């Protein structure tokens, strides 16, 4: 688990699946992705994210507000392999996030990304 002033980045829980599916079905959140995700696709993605954390000790964590415990999205580290993402800079590790629209423009992504970067540098 990683904590910041306002966030807790933690392993996934079953109760995260419903709000995660809601944000993955939001066309504003998914604007630059090929499509929105179905509930089943969203659930599978969350399970893959948790499996990676279990396997490697890092990945995309569930992001919740420290004050309320409310799930607002996910943030973390993702390894980019040349076979999956063939560019001149792979292999590499990226920091990424996906957050419910109501929480955009509040500095949560920056706050979480800084914490994830520090975590990644210590691994």
N, C-alpha and C. Protein backbone atom coordinates (compact mmCIF):
# COMPACT_ATOMS: atom_id res chain seq x y z
N UNK A 1 0.84 -1.17 0.00
CA UNK A 1 0.00 0.00 0.00
C UNK A 1 0.89 1.24 0.00
N UNK A 2 0.45 2.23 -0.76
CA UNK A 2 1.15 3.51 -0.85
C UNK A 2 0.17 4.59 -0.40
N UNK A 3 0.63 5.50 0.44
CA UNK A 3 -0.25 6.59 0.86
C UNK A 3 0.37 7.94 0.52
N UNK A 4 -0.50 8.89 0.27
CA UNK A 4 -0.10 10.28 0.04
C UNK A 4 -0.94 11.14 1.00
N UNK A 5 -0.86 12.43 0.85
CA UNK A 5 -1.64 13.32 1.71
C UNK A 5 -3.14 13.05 1.58
N UNK A 6 -3.60 12.73 0.35
CA UNK A 6 -5.04 12.58 0.13
C UNK A 6 -5.46 11.22 -0.39
N UNK A 7 -4.50 10.36 -0.73
CA UNK A 7 -4.82 9.10 -1.42
C UNK A 7 -4.26 7.88 -0.71
N UNK A 8 -4.93 6.77 -0.94
CA UNK A 8 -4.41 5.45 -0.60
C UNK A 8 -4.40 4.65 -1.90
N UNK A 9 -3.25 4.11 -2.24
CA UNK A 9 -3.10 3.24 -3.41
C UNK A 9 -2.91 1.84 -2.83
N UNK A 10 -3.85 0.95 -3.13
CA UNK A 10 -3.89 -0.34 -2.45
C UNK A 10 -4.28 -1.45 -3.41
N UNK A 11 -4.12 -2.71 -2.95
CA UNK A 11 -4.60 -3.83 -3.76
C UNK A 11 -6.10 -3.70 -4.02
N UNK A 12 -6.54 -4.38 -5.06
CA UNK A 12 -7.94 -4.34 -5.47
C UNK A 12 -8.82 -5.15 -4.53
N UNK A 13 -10.05 -4.69 -4.36
CA UNK A 13 -11.07 -5.39 -3.58
C UNK A 13 -12.28 -5.62 -4.48
N UNK A 14 -13.10 -6.59 -4.13
CA UNK A 14 -14.30 -6.88 -4.92
C UNK A 14 -15.20 -5.66 -5.05
N UNK A 15 -15.27 -4.85 -4.01
CA UNK A 15 -16.15 -3.68 -4.07
C UNK A 15 -15.65 -2.58 -5.01
N UNK A 16 -14.43 -2.72 -5.51
CA UNK A 16 -13.90 -1.77 -6.49
C UNK A 16 -14.44 -2.03 -7.89
N UNK A 17 -14.92 -3.24 -8.13
CA UNK A 17 -15.29 -3.64 -9.49
C UNK A 17 -16.43 -2.80 -10.07
N UNK A 18 -17.44 -2.52 -9.28
CA UNK A 18 -18.58 -1.76 -9.78
C UNK A 18 -18.21 -0.33 -10.16
N UNK A 19 -17.55 0.44 -9.27
CA UNK A 19 -17.17 1.79 -9.69
C UNK A 19 -16.12 1.79 -10.81
N UNK A 20 -15.28 0.76 -10.86
CA UNK A 20 -14.30 0.67 -11.94
C UNK A 20 -15.01 0.45 -13.27
N UNK A 21 -16.02 -0.41 -13.28
CA UNK A 21 -16.80 -0.64 -14.50
C UNK A 21 -17.52 0.63 -14.93
N UNK A 22 -18.01 1.39 -13.97
CA UNK A 22 -18.70 2.63 -14.30
C UNK A 22 -17.76 3.62 -14.98
N UNK A 23 -16.56 3.78 -14.46
CA UNK A 23 -15.64 4.73 -15.11
C UNK A 23 -15.15 4.19 -16.44
N UNK A 24 -15.01 2.87 -16.59
CA UNK A 24 -14.60 2.29 -17.87
C UNK A 24 -15.70 2.34 -18.92
N UNK A 25 -16.92 2.59 -18.47
CA UNK A 25 -18.03 2.75 -19.40
C UNK A 25 -18.33 4.20 -19.74
N UNK A 26 -17.58 5.12 -19.16
CA UNK A 26 -17.78 6.56 -19.37
C UNK A 26 -17.02 7.01 -20.62
N UNK A 27 -17.71 7.52 -21.61
CA UNK A 27 -17.05 7.91 -22.86
C UNK A 27 -16.06 9.05 -22.65
N UNK A 28 -16.24 9.87 -21.63
CA UNK A 28 -15.27 10.95 -21.35
C UNK A 28 -13.95 10.35 -20.86
N UNK A 29 -14.02 9.37 -19.98
CA UNK A 29 -12.81 8.73 -19.45
C UNK A 29 -12.11 7.93 -20.54
N UNK A 30 -12.89 7.29 -21.39
CA UNK A 30 -12.33 6.38 -22.40
C UNK A 30 -12.17 7.02 -23.77
N UNK A 31 -12.22 8.32 -23.84
CA UNK A 31 -12.18 9.04 -25.12
C UNK A 31 -11.03 8.62 -26.03
N UNK A 32 -9.85 8.41 -25.49
CA UNK A 32 -8.68 8.10 -26.32
C UNK A 32 -8.35 6.60 -26.35
N UNK A 33 -9.28 5.79 -25.93
CA UNK A 33 -9.15 4.34 -26.02
C UNK A 33 -10.01 3.85 -27.17
N UNK A 34 -9.76 2.64 -27.66
CA UNK A 34 -10.56 2.15 -28.79
C UNK A 34 -12.06 2.12 -28.52
N UNK A 35 -12.44 1.82 -27.27
CA UNK A 35 -13.87 1.78 -26.94
C UNK A 35 -14.03 1.77 -25.43
N UNK A 36 -15.26 1.98 -24.98
CA UNK A 36 -15.56 1.79 -23.57
C UNK A 36 -15.51 0.29 -23.29
N UNK A 37 -15.45 -0.07 -22.03
CA UNK A 37 -15.39 -1.49 -21.66
C UNK A 37 -16.73 -1.95 -21.10
N UNK A 38 -17.06 -3.19 -21.38
CA UNK A 38 -18.22 -3.81 -20.76
C UNK A 38 -17.87 -4.12 -19.30
N UNK A 39 -18.86 -4.46 -18.51
CA UNK A 39 -18.63 -4.83 -17.12
C UNK A 39 -17.67 -6.02 -17.04
N UNK A 40 -17.88 -7.00 -17.88
CA UNK A 40 -17.02 -8.19 -17.89
C UNK A 40 -15.58 -7.83 -18.26
N UNK A 41 -15.41 -7.00 -19.28
CA UNK A 41 -14.06 -6.58 -19.68
C UNK A 41 -13.38 -5.79 -18.57
N UNK A 42 -14.14 -4.92 -17.92
CA UNK A 42 -13.61 -4.13 -16.83
C UNK A 42 -13.19 -5.01 -15.66
N UNK A 43 -14.04 -5.98 -15.29
CA UNK A 43 -13.70 -6.89 -14.20
C UNK A 43 -12.44 -7.69 -14.52
N UNK A 44 -12.32 -8.15 -15.75
CA UNK A 44 -11.12 -8.91 -16.14
C UNK A 44 -9.87 -8.04 -16.07
N UNK A 45 -9.99 -6.78 -16.47
CA UNK A 45 -8.86 -5.86 -16.40
C UNK A 45 -8.42 -5.67 -14.95
N UNK A 46 -9.36 -5.46 -14.06
CA UNK A 46 -9.03 -5.29 -12.64
C UNK A 46 -8.34 -6.55 -12.10
N UNK A 47 -8.81 -7.70 -12.49
CA UNK A 47 -8.19 -8.95 -12.03
C UNK A 47 -6.76 -9.09 -12.56
N UNK A 48 -6.55 -8.69 -13.81
CA UNK A 48 -5.18 -8.72 -14.37
C UNK A 48 -4.28 -7.73 -13.63
N UNK A 49 -4.82 -6.57 -13.30
CA UNK A 49 -4.03 -5.58 -12.57
C UNK A 49 -3.63 -6.12 -11.20
N UNK A 50 -4.57 -6.75 -10.50
CA UNK A 50 -4.26 -7.31 -9.19
C UNK A 50 -3.28 -8.47 -9.30
N UNK A 51 -3.42 -9.29 -10.33
CA UNK A 51 -2.49 -10.41 -10.52
C UNK A 51 -1.06 -9.91 -10.71
N UNK A 52 -0.90 -8.82 -11.43
CA UNK A 52 0.43 -8.26 -11.66
C UNK A 52 1.04 -7.76 -10.35
N UNK A 53 0.21 -7.11 -9.52
CA UNK A 53 0.69 -6.66 -8.21
C UNK A 53 1.14 -7.86 -7.38
N UNK A 54 0.34 -8.90 -7.38
CA UNK A 54 0.66 -10.11 -6.62
C UNK A 54 1.95 -10.75 -7.14
N UNK A 55 2.08 -10.79 -8.46
CA UNK A 55 3.24 -11.43 -9.09
C UNK A 55 4.52 -10.62 -8.95
N UNK A 56 4.46 -9.32 -9.21
CA UNK A 56 5.67 -8.50 -9.28
C UNK A 56 5.88 -7.60 -8.07
N UNK A 57 4.82 -7.36 -7.30
CA UNK A 57 4.92 -6.41 -6.20
C UNK A 57 4.61 -4.99 -6.62
N UNK A 58 4.28 -4.80 -7.88
CA UNK A 58 3.90 -3.49 -8.40
C UNK A 58 3.00 -3.67 -9.61
N UNK A 59 2.35 -2.62 -9.98
CA UNK A 59 1.40 -2.64 -11.10
C UNK A 59 0.46 -1.46 -10.97
N UNK A 60 -0.80 -1.67 -11.29
CA UNK A 60 -1.82 -0.62 -11.16
C UNK A 60 -2.64 -0.90 -9.91
N UNK A 61 -2.56 0.02 -8.94
CA UNK A 61 -3.28 -0.12 -7.69
C UNK A 61 -4.64 0.58 -7.77
N UNK A 62 -5.57 0.11 -6.96
CA UNK A 62 -6.83 0.83 -6.77
C UNK A 62 -6.49 2.14 -6.05
N UNK A 63 -7.12 3.22 -6.47
CA UNK A 63 -6.87 4.54 -5.89
C UNK A 63 -8.13 4.98 -5.15
N UNK A 64 -7.97 5.24 -3.86
CA UNK A 64 -9.11 5.65 -3.04
C UNK A 64 -8.77 6.93 -2.29
N UNK A 65 -9.79 7.70 -1.99
CA UNK A 65 -9.60 8.91 -1.19
C UNK A 65 -9.35 8.52 0.25
N UNK A 66 -8.31 9.06 0.82
CA UNK A 66 -7.95 8.75 2.21
C UNK A 66 -9.07 9.18 3.16
N UNK A 67 -9.66 10.33 2.90
CA UNK A 67 -10.66 10.89 3.80
C UNK A 67 -11.94 10.04 3.87
N UNK A 68 -12.36 9.49 2.72
CA UNK A 68 -13.65 8.78 2.67
C UNK A 68 -13.53 7.29 2.35
N UNK A 69 -12.40 6.86 1.81
CA UNK A 69 -12.25 5.47 1.37
C UNK A 69 -12.92 5.20 0.04
N UNK A 70 -13.40 6.24 -0.62
CA UNK A 70 -14.11 6.09 -1.89
C UNK A 70 -13.14 5.76 -3.03
N UNK A 71 -13.48 4.73 -3.81
CA UNK A 71 -12.70 4.34 -4.99
C UNK A 71 -12.88 5.43 -6.05
N UNK A 72 -11.76 5.93 -6.60
CA UNK A 72 -11.87 6.95 -7.65
C UNK A 72 -11.16 6.56 -8.94
N UNK A 73 -10.44 5.44 -8.93
CA UNK A 73 -9.75 5.02 -10.14
C UNK A 73 -8.58 4.11 -9.83
N UNK A 74 -7.62 4.10 -10.73
CA UNK A 74 -6.42 3.29 -10.54
C UNK A 74 -5.22 4.05 -11.04
N UNK A 75 -4.07 3.70 -10.51
CA UNK A 75 -2.83 4.36 -10.88
C UNK A 75 -1.69 3.40 -10.61
N UNK A 76 -0.65 3.48 -11.42
CA UNK A 76 0.47 2.60 -11.16
C UNK A 76 1.50 2.53 -12.26
N UNK A 77 2.24 1.44 -12.20
CA UNK A 77 3.35 1.18 -13.11
C UNK A 77 2.98 0.06 -14.05
N UNK A 78 3.41 0.19 -15.30
CA UNK A 78 3.14 -0.82 -16.32
C UNK A 78 4.40 -1.03 -17.14
N UNK A 79 4.81 -2.28 -17.28
CA UNK A 79 5.99 -2.55 -18.10
C UNK A 79 5.58 -2.64 -19.57
N UNK A 80 6.33 -1.96 -20.39
CA UNK A 80 6.10 -1.96 -21.83
C UNK A 80 7.18 -2.82 -22.48
N UNK A 81 6.77 -3.91 -23.07
CA UNK A 81 7.73 -4.78 -23.73
C UNK A 81 7.73 -4.47 -25.23
N UNK A 82 8.89 -4.67 -25.88
CA UNK A 82 8.97 -4.42 -27.32
C UNK A 82 7.97 -5.25 -28.13
N UNK A 83 7.64 -6.45 -27.64
CA UNK A 83 6.70 -7.29 -28.39
C UNK A 83 5.27 -6.74 -28.33
N UNK A 84 4.91 -6.07 -27.23
CA UNK A 84 3.57 -5.51 -27.10
C UNK A 84 3.50 -4.06 -27.55
N UNK A 85 4.61 -3.35 -27.45
CA UNK A 85 4.65 -1.93 -27.78
C UNK A 85 5.98 -1.63 -28.47
N UNK A 86 6.08 -1.96 -29.75
CA UNK A 86 7.37 -1.85 -30.45
C UNK A 86 7.74 -0.40 -30.80
N UNK A 87 8.62 0.17 -30.00
CA UNK A 87 9.14 1.51 -30.27
C UNK A 87 10.63 1.52 -29.93
N UNK A 88 11.27 2.64 -30.22
CA UNK A 88 12.70 2.76 -29.96
C UNK A 88 13.03 2.82 -28.47
N UNK A 89 12.04 3.11 -27.61
CA UNK A 89 12.34 3.26 -26.19
C UNK A 89 11.90 2.08 -25.32
N UNK A 90 11.36 1.02 -25.93
CA UNK A 90 11.01 -0.16 -25.14
C UNK A 90 12.17 -1.15 -25.16
N UNK A 91 12.35 -1.89 -24.08
CA UNK A 91 11.49 -2.03 -22.92
C UNK A 91 11.56 -0.78 -22.02
N UNK A 92 10.46 -0.53 -21.33
CA UNK A 92 10.36 0.62 -20.45
C UNK A 92 9.25 0.36 -19.43
N UNK A 93 9.19 1.21 -18.44
CA UNK A 93 8.10 1.18 -17.46
C UNK A 93 7.43 2.55 -17.51
N UNK A 94 6.11 2.54 -17.63
CA UNK A 94 5.35 3.79 -17.67
C UNK A 94 4.54 3.95 -16.39
N UNK A 95 4.22 5.20 -16.08
CA UNK A 95 3.26 5.51 -15.03
C UNK A 95 1.97 5.88 -15.73
N UNK A 96 0.88 5.29 -15.27
CA UNK A 96 -0.41 5.59 -15.89
C UNK A 96 -1.50 5.65 -14.84
N UNK A 97 -2.64 6.18 -15.23
CA UNK A 97 -3.78 6.26 -14.35
C UNK A 97 -5.05 6.31 -15.16
N UNK A 98 -6.13 5.98 -14.52
CA UNK A 98 -7.47 6.09 -15.07
C UNK A 98 -8.37 6.46 -13.90
N UNK A 99 -9.05 7.58 -14.04
CA UNK A 99 -9.80 8.13 -12.92
C UNK A 99 -11.21 8.52 -13.33
N UNK A 100 -12.15 8.33 -12.42
CA UNK A 100 -13.53 8.75 -12.67
C UNK A 100 -13.56 10.25 -12.99
N UNK A 101 -14.38 10.61 -13.92
CA UNK A 101 -14.42 11.98 -14.45
C UNK A 101 -14.63 13.03 -13.35
N UNK A 102 -15.44 12.74 -12.36
CA UNK A 102 -15.73 13.71 -11.30
C UNK A 102 -14.50 14.09 -10.48
N UNK A 103 -13.41 13.34 -10.62
CA UNK A 103 -12.21 13.59 -9.84
C UNK A 103 -11.08 14.19 -10.67
N UNK A 104 -11.36 14.51 -11.92
CA UNK A 104 -10.35 15.15 -12.76
C UNK A 104 -10.11 16.58 -12.26
N UNK A 105 -8.92 17.09 -12.58
CA UNK A 105 -8.55 18.48 -12.32
C UNK A 105 -8.53 18.85 -10.84
N UNK A 106 -8.20 17.88 -10.01
CA UNK A 106 -8.08 18.13 -8.57
C UNK A 106 -6.67 17.81 -8.06
N UNK A 107 -5.77 17.42 -8.98
CA UNK A 107 -4.40 17.12 -8.61
C UNK A 107 -4.15 15.71 -8.12
N UNK A 108 -5.18 14.85 -8.16
CA UNK A 108 -5.00 13.48 -7.66
C UNK A 108 -4.02 12.68 -8.53
N UNK A 109 -4.10 12.85 -9.84
CA UNK A 109 -3.19 12.09 -10.72
C UNK A 109 -1.74 12.48 -10.47
N UNK A 110 -1.47 13.76 -10.33
CA UNK A 110 -0.11 14.21 -10.07
C UNK A 110 0.38 13.70 -8.72
N UNK A 111 -0.46 13.81 -7.72
CA UNK A 111 -0.10 13.36 -6.37
C UNK A 111 0.19 11.85 -6.36
N UNK A 112 -0.69 11.09 -6.99
CA UNK A 112 -0.50 9.65 -7.04
C UNK A 112 0.71 9.25 -7.88
N UNK A 113 0.90 9.92 -9.01
CA UNK A 113 2.03 9.59 -9.89
C UNK A 113 3.36 9.86 -9.22
N UNK A 114 3.45 10.92 -8.46
CA UNK A 114 4.69 11.21 -7.74
C UNK A 114 5.00 10.10 -6.73
N UNK A 115 3.96 9.62 -6.04
CA UNK A 115 4.15 8.54 -5.07
C UNK A 115 4.54 7.24 -5.75
N UNK A 116 3.91 6.95 -6.88
CA UNK A 116 4.21 5.74 -7.64
C UNK A 116 5.63 5.80 -8.18
N UNK A 117 6.07 6.94 -8.66
CA UNK A 117 7.43 7.10 -9.14
C UNK A 117 8.43 6.81 -8.02
N UNK A 118 8.21 7.37 -6.84
CA UNK A 118 9.10 7.11 -5.71
C UNK A 118 9.13 5.63 -5.35
N UNK A 119 7.96 5.00 -5.37
CA UNK A 119 7.89 3.57 -5.09
C UNK A 119 8.70 2.78 -6.13
N UNK A 120 8.50 3.12 -7.40
CA UNK A 120 9.20 2.42 -8.47
C UNK A 120 10.71 2.59 -8.39
N UNK A 121 11.17 3.75 -8.01
CA UNK A 121 12.62 3.98 -7.89
C UNK A 121 13.23 3.21 -6.73
N UNK A 122 12.41 2.85 -5.76
CA UNK A 122 12.91 2.11 -4.61
C UNK A 122 12.87 0.59 -4.82
N UNK A 123 12.13 0.14 -5.84
CA UNK A 123 12.02 -1.31 -6.10
C UNK A 123 13.31 -1.89 -6.63
